[in-house]
C-alpha cells in the first residue's frame, strides 16, 4: 500500500509530497489514522537523519520516529502499527481541554 507523506527539508521548507510503499499489514491502522484527519510528515534533518511523524494540523506531532535512509520504511511501519485510536482520542481531547479558555 502507498502512504503519502508531506516532505520538508530543514532550512529549505516544504518539498513535493512523496509516496512511500509500506506493508499491507499497515492498512487498518493507516485507515484509522486517516480518519482522524492526521497526516504523515517527513523532515530531513542534518547528518542524514529523518523524522517521520503523525501530525494533527491543530495540535502538532502526535507520534514521531527518527530514522536513517536505510531503516525509514521500517520505522514508518512501526509507527503506523503501534497507532491506537483510543490513545489518540485521549491525547486529542486533552489538547482540546488545554486549549479551552472559559474566560474567552
PDB file of N, CA and C in Angstrom:
ATOM      1  N   UNK A   1       0.836  -1.175   0.000  1.00  0.00           N
ATOM      2  CA  UNK A   1       0.000   0.000   0.000  1.00  0.00           C
ATOM      3  C   UNK A   1       0.883   1.240   0.000  1.00  0.00           C
ATOM      4  N   UNK A   2       0.306   2.358  -0.424  1.00  0.00           N
ATOM      5  CA  UNK A   2       1.077   3.600  -0.558  1.00  0.00           C
ATOM      6  C   UNK A   2       0.615   4.606   0.490  1.00  0.00           C
ATOM      7  N   UNK A   3       1.590   5.221   1.163  1.00  0.00           N
ATOM      8  CA  UNK A   3       1.328   6.249   2.165  1.00  0.00           C
ATOM      9  C   UNK A   3       1.890   7.574   1.642  1.00  0.00           C
ATOM     10  N   UNK A   4       1.027   8.574   1.422  1.00  0.00           N
ATOM     11  CA  UNK A   4       1.529   9.890   1.022  1.00  0.00           C
ATOM     12  C   UNK A   4       2.084  10.628   2.244  1.00  0.00           C
ATOM     13  N   UNK A   5       3.222  11.291   2.046  1.00  0.00           N
ATOM     14  CA  UNK A   5       3.888  11.978   3.156  1.00  0.00           C
ATOM     15  C   UNK A   5       4.270  13.393   2.729  1.00  0.00           C
ATOM     16  N   UNK A   6       3.932  14.366   3.575  1.00  0.00           N
ATOM     17  CA  UNK A   6       4.387  15.744   3.365  1.00  0.00           C
ATOM     18  C   UNK A   6       5.877  15.781   3.703  1.00  0.00           C
ATOM     19  N   UNK A   7       6.667  16.344   2.820  1.00  0.00           N
ATOM     20  CA  UNK A   7       8.126  16.267   2.910  1.00  0.00           C
ATOM     21  C   UNK A   7       8.726  17.652   3.125  1.00  0.00           C
ATOM     22  N   UNK A   8       9.587  17.752   4.126  1.00  0.00           N
ATOM     23  CA  UNK A   8      10.259  19.012   4.465  1.00  0.00           C
ATOM     24  C   UNK A   8      11.761  18.789   4.533  1.00  0.00           C
ATOM     25  N   UNK A   9      12.506  19.803   4.125  1.00  0.00           N
ATOM     26  CA  UNK A   9      13.960  19.792   4.279  1.00  0.00           C
ATOM     27  C   UNK A   9      14.308  20.956   5.197  1.00  0.00           C
ATOM     28  N   UNK A  10      14.981  20.644   6.299  1.00  0.00           N
ATOM     29  CA  UNK A  10      15.329  21.673   7.265  1.00  0.00           C
ATOM     30  C   UNK A  10      16.097  22.800   6.580  1.00  0.00           C
ATOM     31  N   UNK A  11      15.634  24.025   6.778  1.00  0.00           N
ATOM     32  CA  UNK A  11      16.269  25.188   6.185  1.00  0.00           C
ATOM     33  C   UNK A  11      15.764  25.539   4.793  1.00  0.00           C
ATOM     34  N   UNK A  12      15.040  24.620   4.161  1.00  0.00           N
ATOM     35  CA  UNK A  12      14.524  24.860   2.810  1.00  0.00           C
ATOM     36  C   UNK A  12      13.004  24.854   2.746  1.00  0.00           C
ATOM     37  N   UNK A  13      12.354  24.279   3.737  1.00  0.00           N
ATOM     38  CA  UNK A  13      10.898  24.253   3.768  1.00  0.00           C
ATOM     39  C   UNK A  13      10.283  23.056   3.078  1.00  0.00           C
ATOM     40  N   UNK A  14       9.036  23.232   2.685  1.00  0.00           N
ATOM     41  CA  UNK A  14       8.235  22.144   2.113  1.00  0.00           C
ATOM     42  C   UNK A  14       8.665  21.815   0.697  1.00  0.00           C
ATOM     43  N   UNK A  15       8.738  20.539   0.431  1.00  0.00           N
ATOM     44  CA  UNK A  15       9.033  19.992  -0.887  1.00  0.00           C
ATOM     45  C   UNK A  15       7.792  19.236  -1.377  1.00  0.00           C
ATOM     46  N   UNK A  16       7.792  18.795  -2.626  1.00  0.00           N
ATOM     47  CA  UNK A  16       6.646  17.992  -3.087  1.00  0.00           C
ATOM     48  C   UNK A  16       6.452  16.747  -2.215  1.00  0.00           C
ATOM     49  N   UNK A  17       5.194  16.383  -1.991  1.00  0.00           N
ATOM     50  CA  UNK A  17       4.901  15.179  -1.211  1.00  0.00           C
ATOM     51  C   UNK A  17       5.543  13.964  -1.861  1.00  0.00           C
ATOM     52  N   UNK A  18       5.821  12.968  -1.035  1.00  0.00           N
ATOM     53  CA  UNK A  18       6.369  11.711  -1.528  1.00  0.00           C
ATOM     54  C   UNK A  18       5.407  10.585  -1.173  1.00  0.00           C
ATOM     55  N   UNK A  19       5.386   9.550  -1.992  1.00  0.00           N
ATOM     56  CA  UNK A  19       4.593   8.353  -1.744  1.00  0.00           C
ATOM     57  C   UNK A  19       5.538   7.236  -1.333  1.00  0.00           C
ATOM     58  N   UNK A  20       5.251   6.617  -0.192  1.00  0.00           N
ATOM     59  CA  UNK A  20       6.088   5.544   0.339  1.00  0.00           C
ATOM     60  C   UNK A  20       5.291   4.243   0.339  1.00  0.00           C
ATOM     61  N   UNK A  21       5.871   3.200  -0.165  1.00  0.00           N
ATOM     62  CA  UNK A  21       5.232   1.885  -0.169  1.00  0.00           C
ATOM     63  C   UNK A  21       5.530   1.191   1.151  1.00  0.00           C
ATOM     64  N   UNK A  22       4.451   0.782   1.846  1.00  0.00           N
ATOM     65  CA  UNK A  22       4.588   0.051   3.102  1.00  0.00           C
ATOM     66  C   UNK A  22       3.822  -1.259   2.998  1.00  0.00           C
ATOM     67  N   UNK A  23       4.054  -2.118   3.961  1.00  0.00           N
ATOM     68  CA  UNK A  23       3.402  -3.425   4.004  1.00  0.00           C
ATOM     69  C   UNK A  23       1.880  -3.286   4.098  1.00  0.00           C
ATOM     70  N   UNK A  24       1.173  -4.170   3.436  1.00  0.00           N
ATOM     71  CA  UNK A  24      -0.286  -4.187   3.515  1.00  0.00           C
ATOM     72  C   UNK A  24      -0.781  -4.442   4.941  1.00  0.00           C
ATOM     73  N   UNK A  25       0.086  -4.970   5.816  1.00  0.00           N
ATOM     74  CA  UNK A  25      -0.309  -5.206   7.205  1.00  0.00           C
ATOM     75  C   UNK A  25      -0.580  -3.899   7.949  1.00  0.00           C
ATOM     76  N   UNK A  26      -0.183  -2.767   7.387  1.00  0.00           N
ATOM     77  CA  UNK A  26      -0.406  -1.451   7.994  1.00  0.00           C
ATOM     78  C   UNK A  26      -1.775  -0.865   7.665  1.00  0.00           C
ATOM     79  N   UNK A  27      -2.515  -1.511   6.780  1.00  0.00           N
ATOM     80  CA  UNK A  27      -3.704  -0.896   6.202  1.00  0.00           C
ATOM     81  C   UNK A  27      -4.760  -0.471   7.219  1.00  0.00           C
ATOM     82  N   UNK A  28      -5.119  -1.328   8.158  1.00  0.00           N
ATOM     83  CA  UNK A  28      -6.188  -0.981   9.096  1.00  0.00           C
ATOM     84  C   UNK A  28      -5.814   0.224   9.958  1.00  0.00           C
ATOM     85  N   UNK A  29      -4.596   0.234  10.478  1.00  0.00           N
ATOM     86  CA  UNK A  29      -4.175   1.381  11.278  1.00  0.00           C
ATOM     87  C   UNK A  29      -4.003   2.623  10.414  1.00  0.00           C
ATOM     88  N   UNK A  30      -3.543   2.456   9.198  1.00  0.00           N
ATOM     89  CA  UNK A  30      -3.428   3.594   8.288  1.00  0.00           C
ATOM     90  C   UNK A  30      -4.796   4.240   8.065  1.00  0.00           C
ATOM     91  N   UNK A  31      -5.809   3.422   7.847  1.00  0.00           N
ATOM     92  CA  UNK A  31      -7.166   3.940   7.655  1.00  0.00           C
ATOM     93  C   UNK A  31      -7.631   4.679   8.914  1.00  0.00           C
ATOM     94  N   UNK A  32      -7.356   4.113  10.088  1.00  0.00           N
ATOM     95  CA  UNK A  32      -7.736   4.770  11.348  1.00  0.00           C
ATOM     96  C   UNK A  32      -7.044   6.124  11.486  1.00  0.00           C
ATOM     97  N   UNK A  33      -5.778   6.191  11.116  1.00  0.00           N
ATOM     98  CA  UNK A  33      -5.032   7.450  11.178  1.00  0.00           C
ATOM     99  C   UNK A  33      -5.649   8.462  10.225  1.00  0.00           C
ATOM    100  N   UNK A  34      -5.957   8.025   9.013  1.00  0.00           N
ATOM    101  CA  UNK A  34      -6.573   8.921   8.025  1.00  0.00           C
ATOM    102  C   UNK A  34      -7.910   9.460   8.538  1.00  0.00           C
ATOM    103  N   UNK A  35      -8.684   8.618   9.207  1.00  0.00           N
ATOM    104  CA  UNK A  35      -9.998   9.039   9.697  1.00  0.00           C
ATOM    105  C   UNK A  35      -9.902  10.085  10.807  1.00  0.00           C
ATOM    106  N   UNK A  36      -8.756  10.187  11.475  1.00  0.00           N
ATOM    107  CA  UNK A  36      -8.581  11.224  12.499  1.00  0.00           C
ATOM    108  C   UNK A  36      -8.309  12.583  11.866  1.00  0.00           C
ATOM    109  N   UNK A  37      -7.991  12.590  10.571  1.00  0.00           N
ATOM    110  CA  UNK A  37      -7.633  13.837   9.907  1.00  0.00           C
ATOM    111  C   UNK A  37      -6.149  14.144   9.978  1.00  0.00           C
ATOM    112  N   UNK A  38      -5.389  13.264  10.588  1.00  0.00           N
ATOM    113  CA  UNK A  38      -3.940  13.466  10.682  1.00  0.00           C
ATOM    114  C   UNK A  38      -3.271  13.194   9.338  1.00  0.00           C
ATOM    115  N   UNK A  39      -2.051  13.667   9.216  1.00  0.00           N
ATOM    116  CA  UNK A  39      -1.249  13.377   8.035  1.00  0.00           C
ATOM    117  C   UNK A  39       0.124  12.905   8.492  1.00  0.00           C
ATOM    118  N   UNK A  40       0.859  12.351   7.552  1.00  0.00           N
ATOM    119  CA  UNK A  40       2.229  11.936   7.811  1.00  0.00           C
ATOM    120  C   UNK A  40       3.169  13.008   7.292  1.00  0.00           C
ATOM    121  N   UNK A  41       4.217  13.276   8.063  1.00  0.00           N
ATOM    122  CA  UNK A  41       5.241  14.219   7.619  1.00  0.00           C
ATOM    123  C   UNK A  41       6.606  13.566   7.735  1.00  0.00           C
ATOM    124  N   UNK A  42       7.494  14.012   6.888  1.00  0.00           N
ATOM    125  CA  UNK A  42       8.880  13.565   6.897  1.00  0.00           C
ATOM    126  C   UNK A  42       9.752  14.797   6.830  1.00  0.00           C
ATOM    127  N   UNK A  43      10.673  14.926   7.778  1.00  0.00           N
ATOM    128  CA  UNK A  43      11.609  16.045   7.748  1.00  0.00           C
ATOM    129  C   UNK A  43      13.022  15.504   7.668  1.00  0.00           C
ATOM    130  N   UNK A  44      13.744  15.994   6.667  1.00  0.00           N
ATOM    131  CA  UNK A  44      15.144  15.630   6.525  1.00  0.00           C
ATOM    132  C   UNK A  44      15.950  16.515   7.464  1.00  0.00           C
ATOM    133  N   UNK A  45      16.678  15.885   8.383  1.00  0.00           N
ATOM    134  CA  UNK A  45      17.462  16.577   9.394  1.00  0.00           C
ATOM    135  C   UNK A  45      18.946  16.530   9.022  1.00  0.00           C
ATOM    136  N   UNK A  46      19.789  17.259   9.738  1.00  0.00           N
ATOM    137  CA  UNK A  46      21.229  17.197   9.457  1.00  0.00           C
ATOM    138  C   UNK A  46      21.786  15.778   9.620  1.00  0.00           C
ATOM    139  N   UNK A  47      22.892  15.554   8.977  1.00  0.00           N
ATOM    140  CA  UNK A  47      23.634  14.286   9.063  1.00  0.00           C
ATOM    141  C   UNK A  47      22.832  13.096   8.556  1.00  0.00           C
ATOM    142  N   UNK A  48      21.918  13.331   7.625  1.00  0.00           N
ATOM    143  CA  UNK A  48      21.181  12.230   7.015  1.00  0.00           C
ATOM    144  C   UNK A  48      20.096  11.626   7.878  1.00  0.00           C
ATOM    145  N   UNK A  49      19.801  12.228   8.999  1.00  0.00           N
ATOM    146  CA  UNK A  49      18.721  11.734   9.861  1.00  0.00           C
ATOM    147  C   UNK A  49      17.379  12.211   9.324  1.00  0.00           C
ATOM    148  N   UNK A  50      16.327  11.493   9.687  1.00  0.00           N
ATOM    149  CA  UNK A  50      14.974  11.833   9.272  1.00  0.00           C
ATOM    150  C   UNK A  50      14.050  11.732  10.477  1.00  0.00           C
ATOM    151  N   UNK A  51      13.049  12.596  10.494  1.00  0.00           N
ATOM    152  CA  UNK A  51      11.979  12.500  11.487  1.00  0.00           C
ATOM    153  C   UNK A  51      10.692  12.263  10.722  1.00  0.00           C
ATOM    154  N   UNK A  52      10.012  11.170  11.029  1.00  0.00           N
ATOM    155  CA  UNK A  52       8.711  10.874  10.409  1.00  0.00           C
ATOM    156  C   UNK A  52       7.666  10.972  11.511  1.00  0.00           C
ATOM    157  N   UNK A  53       6.577  11.674  11.211  1.00  0.00           N
ATOM    158  CA  UNK A  53       5.585  11.983  12.244  1.00  0.00           C
ATOM    159  C   UNK A  53       4.169  11.712  11.768  1.00  0.00           C
ATOM    160  N   UNK A  54       3.308  11.466  12.742  1.00  0.00           N
ATOM    161  CA  UNK A  54       1.866  11.553  12.548  1.00  0.00           C
ATOM    162  C   UNK A  54       1.500  12.914  13.120  1.00  0.00           C
ATOM    163  N   UNK A  55       0.946  13.772  12.277  1.00  0.00           N
ATOM    164  CA  UNK A  55       0.731  15.164  12.663  1.00  0.00           C
ATOM    165  C   UNK A  55      -0.743  15.537  12.629  1.00  0.00           C
ATOM    166  N   UNK A  56      -1.181  16.171  13.694  1.00  0.00           N
ATOM    167  CA  UNK A  56      -2.511  16.768  13.761  1.00  0.00           C
ATOM    168  C   UNK A  56      -2.331  18.243  13.414  1.00  0.00           C
ATOM    169  N   UNK A  57      -3.124  18.751  12.483  1.00  0.00           N
ATOM    170  CA  UNK A  57      -2.920  20.116  11.995  1.00  0.00           C
ATOM    171  C   UNK A  57      -3.140  21.176  13.073  1.00  0.00           C
ATOM    172  N   UNK A  58      -3.921  20.875  14.091  1.00  0.00           N
ATOM    173  CA  UNK A  58      -4.161  21.851  15.161  1.00  0.00           C
ATOM    174  C   UNK A  58      -3.186  21.730  16.324  1.00  0.00           C
ATOM    175  N   UNK A  59      -2.770  20.512  16.645  1.00  0.00           N
ATOM    176  CA  UNK A  59      -2.004  20.292  17.864  1.00  0.00           C
ATOM    177  C   UNK A  59      -0.577  19.793  17.646  1.00  0.00           C
ATOM    178  N   UNK A  60      -0.166  19.624  16.413  1.00  0.00           N
ATOM    179  CA  UNK A  60       1.214  19.229  16.133  1.00  0.00           C
ATOM    180  C   UNK A  60       1.405  17.725  16.082  1.00  0.00           C
ATOM    181  N   UNK A  61       2.626  17.313  16.385  1.00  0.00           N
ATOM    182  CA  UNK A  61       3.010  15.908  16.241  1.00  0.00           C
ATOM    183  C   UNK A  61       2.380  15.046  17.335  1.00  0.00           C
ATOM    184  N   UNK A  62       1.695  13.993  16.892  1.00  0.00           N
ATOM    185  CA  UNK A  62       1.160  13.012  17.827  1.00  0.00           C
ATOM    186  C   UNK A  62       2.200  11.929  18.116  1.00  0.00           C
ATOM    187  N   UNK A  63       2.909  11.497  17.087  1.00  0.00           N
ATOM    188  CA  UNK A  63       3.907  10.439  17.242  1.00  0.00           C
ATOM    189  C   UNK A  63       5.066  10.748  16.312  1.00  0.00           C
ATOM    190  N   UNK A  64       6.247  10.283  16.697  1.00  0.00           N
ATOM    191  CA  UNK A  64       7.446  10.565  15.899  1.00  0.00           C
ATOM    192  C   UNK A  64       8.408   9.386  15.989  1.00  0.00           C
ATOM    193  N   UNK A  65       9.075   9.123  14.897  1.00  0.00           N
ATOM    194  CA  UNK A  65      10.162   8.145  14.828  1.00  0.00           C
ATOM    195  C   UNK A  65      11.343   8.826  14.144  1.00  0.00           C
ATOM    196  N   UNK A  66      12.532   8.580  14.644  1.00  0.00           N
ATOM    197  CA  UNK A  66      13.745   9.067  13.991  1.00  0.00           C
ATOM    198  C   UNK A  66      14.360   7.905  13.228  1.00  0.00           C
ATOM    199  N   UNK A  67      14.844   8.194  12.034  1.00  0.00           N
ATOM    200  CA  UNK A  67      15.313   7.128  11.153  1.00  0.00           C
ATOM    201  C   UNK A  67      16.500   7.592  10.332  1.00  0.00           C
ATOM    202  N   UNK A  68      17.111   6.626   9.686  1.00  0.00           N
ATOM    203  CA  UNK A  68      18.106   6.845   8.645  1.00  0.00           C
ATOM    204  C   UNK A  68      17.475   6.383   7.337  1.00  0.00           C
ATOM    205  N   UNK A  69      18.106   6.704   6.238  1.00  0.00           N
ATOM    206  CA  UNK A  69      17.557   6.301   4.941  1.00  0.00           C
ATOM    207  C   UNK A  69      17.387   4.784   4.844  1.00  0.00           C
ATOM    208  N   UNK A  70      18.261   4.032   5.486  1.00  0.00           N
ATOM    209  CA  UNK A  70      18.214   2.574   5.354  1.00  0.00           C
ATOM    210  C   UNK A  70      17.124   1.912   6.206  1.00  0.00           C
ATOM    211  N   UNK A  71      16.553   2.624   7.189  1.00  0.00           N
ATOM    212  CA  UNK A  71      15.510   1.997   8.001  1.00  0.00           C
ATOM    213  C   UNK A  71      14.242   2.851   8.073  1.00  0.00           C
ATOM    214  N   UNK A  72      14.112   3.784   7.169  1.00  0.00           N
ATOM    215  CA  UNK A  72      12.981   4.706   7.183  1.00  0.00           C
ATOM    216  C   UNK A  72      11.635   3.989   7.052  1.00  0.00           C
ATOM    217  N   UNK A  73      11.494   3.107   6.083  1.00  0.00           N
ATOM    218  CA  UNK A  73      10.217   2.413   5.865  1.00  0.00           C
ATOM    219  C   UNK A  73       9.875   1.549   7.076  1.00  0.00           C
ATOM    220  N   UNK A  74      10.851   0.891   7.633  1.00  0.00           N
ATOM    221  CA  UNK A  74      10.636   0.070   8.833  1.00  0.00           C
ATOM    222  C   UNK A  74      10.117   0.933   9.985  1.00  0.00           C
ATOM    223  N   UNK A  75      10.695   2.093  10.187  1.00  0.00           N
ATOM    224  CA  UNK A  75      10.272   2.996  11.262  1.00  0.00           C
ATOM    225  C   UNK A  75       8.857   3.533  10.998  1.00  0.00           C
ATOM    226  N   UNK A  76       8.558   3.846   9.754  1.00  0.00           N
ATOM    227  CA  UNK A  76       7.216   4.305   9.393  1.00  0.00           C
ATOM    228  C   UNK A  76       6.192   3.212   9.692  1.00  0.00           C
ATOM    229  N   UNK A  77       6.486   1.989   9.293  1.00  0.00           N
ATOM    230  CA  UNK A  77       5.577   0.872   9.555  1.00  0.00           C
ATOM    231  C   UNK A  77       5.398   0.641  11.056  1.00  0.00           C
ATOM    232  N   UNK A  78       6.477   0.751  11.821  1.00  0.00           N
ATOM    233  CA  UNK A  78       6.395   0.595  13.275  1.00  0.00           C
ATOM    234  C   UNK A  78       5.436   1.620  13.864  1.00  0.00           C
ATOM    235  N   UNK A  79       5.565   2.863  13.423  1.00  0.00           N
ATOM    236  CA  UNK A  79       4.715   3.934  13.933  1.00  0.00           C
ATOM    237  C   UNK A  79       3.248   3.703  13.555  1.00  0.00           C
ATOM    238  N   UNK A  80       3.009   3.312  12.320  1.00  0.00           N
ATOM    239  CA  UNK A  80       1.634   3.042  11.886  1.00  0.00           C
ATOM    240  C   UNK A  80       1.045   1.885  12.691  1.00  0.00           C
ATOM    241  N   UNK A  81       1.809   0.813  12.841  1.00  0.00           N
ATOM    242  CA  UNK A  81       1.284  -0.383  13.515  1.00  0.00           C
ATOM    243  C   UNK A  81       1.059  -0.197  15.006  1.00  0.00           C
ATOM    244  N   UNK A  82       1.743   0.748  15.642  1.00  0.00           N
ATOM    245  CA  UNK A  82       1.508   0.953  17.073  1.00  0.00           C
ATOM    246  C   UNK A  82       0.390   1.968  17.342  1.00  0.00           C
ATOM    247  N   UNK A  83      -0.134   2.597  16.279  1.00  0.00           N
ATOM    248  CA  UNK A  83      -1.201   3.579  16.460  1.00  0.00           C
ATOM    249  C   UNK A  83      -2.389   2.945  17.162  1.00  0.00           C
ATOM    250  N   UNK A  84      -2.887   3.639  18.173  1.00  0.00           N
ATOM    251  CA  UNK A  84      -4.029   3.171  18.952  1.00  0.00           C
ATOM    252  C   UNK A  84      -5.041   4.304  18.995  1.00  0.00           C
ATOM    253  N   UNK A  85      -6.210   4.090  18.404  1.00  0.00           N
ATOM    254  CA  UNK A  85      -7.211   5.141  18.296  1.00  0.00           C
ATOM    255  C   UNK A  85      -7.688   5.631  19.667  1.00  0.00           C
ATOM    256  N   UNK A  86      -7.832   4.737  20.623  1.00  0.00           N
ATOM    257  CA  UNK A  86      -8.247   5.144  21.968  1.00  0.00           C
ATOM    258  C   UNK A  86      -7.217   6.091  22.581  1.00  0.00           C
ATOM    259  N   UNK A  87      -5.940   5.748  22.461  1.00  0.00           N
ATOM    260  CA  UNK A  87      -4.888   6.611  22.998  1.00  0.00           C
ATOM    261  C   UNK A  87      -4.839   7.950  22.253  1.00  0.00           C
ATOM    262  N   UNK A  88      -5.012   7.898  20.953  1.00  0.00           N
ATOM    263  CA  UNK A  88      -5.029   9.140  20.174  1.00  0.00           C
ATOM    264  C   UNK A  88      -6.175  10.035  20.637  1.00  0.00           C
ATOM    265  N   UNK A  89      -7.357   9.473  20.814  1.00  0.00           N
ATOM    266  CA  UNK A  89      -8.508  10.267  21.242  1.00  0.00           C
ATOM    267  C   UNK A  89      -8.287  10.891  22.618  1.00  0.00           C
ATOM    268  N   UNK A  90      -7.627  10.172  23.527  1.00  0.00           N
ATOM    269  CA  UNK A  90      -7.282  10.748  24.836  1.00  0.00           C
ATOM    270  C   UNK A  90      -6.352  11.945  24.658  1.00  0.00           C
ATOM    271  N   UNK A  91      -5.321  11.773  23.822  1.00  0.00           N
ATOM    272  CA  UNK A  91      -4.367  12.860  23.541  1.00  0.00           C
ATOM    273  C   UNK A  91      -5.088  14.055  22.923  1.00  0.00           C
ATOM    274  N   UNK A  92      -5.937  13.786  21.956  1.00  0.00           N
ATOM    275  CA  UNK A  92      -6.668  14.849  21.265  1.00  0.00           C
ATOM    276  C   UNK A  92      -7.569  15.604  22.238  1.00  0.00           C
ATOM    277  N   UNK A  93      -8.334  14.882  23.048  1.00  0.00           N
ATOM    278  CA  UNK A  93      -9.247  15.513  23.999  1.00  0.00           C
ATOM    279  C   UNK A  93      -8.488  16.301  25.067  1.00  0.00           C
ATOM    280  N   UNK A  94      -7.333  15.809  25.481  1.00  0.00           N
ATOM    281  CA  UNK A  94      -6.502  16.555  26.427  1.00  0.00           C
ATOM    282  C   UNK A  94      -6.069  17.879  25.805  1.00  0.00           C
ATOM    283  N   UNK A  95      -5.664  17.851  24.552  1.00  0.00           N
ATOM    284  CA  UNK A  95      -5.277  19.079  23.864  1.00  0.00           C
ATOM    285  C   UNK A  95      -6.450  20.039  23.725  1.00  0.00           C
ATOM    286  N   UNK A  96      -7.636  19.512  23.450  1.00  0.00           N
ATOM    287  CA  UNK A  96      -8.818  20.368  23.377  1.00  0.00           C
ATOM    288  C   UNK A  96      -9.082  21.041  24.719  1.00  0.00           C
ATOM    289  N   UNK A  97      -8.952  20.282  25.788  1.00  0.00           N
ATOM    290  CA  UNK A  97      -9.171  20.810  27.129  1.00  0.00           C
ATOM    291  C   UNK A  97      -8.177  21.906  27.464  1.00  0.00           C
ATOM    292  N   UNK A  98      -6.925  21.709  27.079  1.00  0.00           N
ATOM    293  CA  UNK A  98      -5.885  22.695  27.361  1.00  0.00           C
ATOM    294  C   UNK A  98      -6.091  23.966  26.544  1.00  0.00           C
ATOM    295  N   UNK A  99      -6.711  23.842  25.378  1.00  0.00           N
ATOM    296  CA  UNK A  99      -6.949  24.994  24.514  1.00  0.00           C
ATOM    297  C   UNK A  99      -8.191  25.773  24.941  1.00  0.00           C
ATOM    298  N   UNK A 100      -9.089  25.140  25.684  1.00  0.00           N
ATOM    299  CA  UNK A 100     -10.357  25.765  26.083  1.00  0.00           C
ATOM    300  C   UNK A 100     -10.101  26.824  27.152  1.00  0.00           C
ATOM    301  N   UNK A 101     -10.576  28.025  26.909  1.00  0.00           N
ATOM    302  CA  UNK A 101     -10.445  29.117  27.871  1.00  0.00           C
ATOM    303  C   UNK A 101     -11.852  29.608  28.192  1.00  0.00           C
ATOM    304  N   UNK A 102     -12.397  29.222  29.383  1.00  0.00           N
ATOM    305  CA  UNK A 102     -13.766  29.597  29.705  1.00  0.00           C
ATOM    306  C   UNK A 102     -13.949  31.109  29.870  1.00  0.00           C
ATOM    307  N   UNK A 103     -12.860  31.830  30.069  1.00  0.00           N
ATOM    308  CA  UNK A 103     -12.919  33.285  30.198  1.00  0.00           C
ATOM    309  C   UNK A 103     -13.017  33.969  28.856  1.00  0.00           C
ATOM    310  N   UNK A 104     -12.790  33.202  27.778  1.00  0.00           N
ATOM    311  CA  UNK A 104     -12.966  33.710  26.431  1.00  0.00           C
ATOM    312  C   UNK A 104     -11.765  34.336  25.874  1.00  0.00           C
TER     313      UNK A 104
END
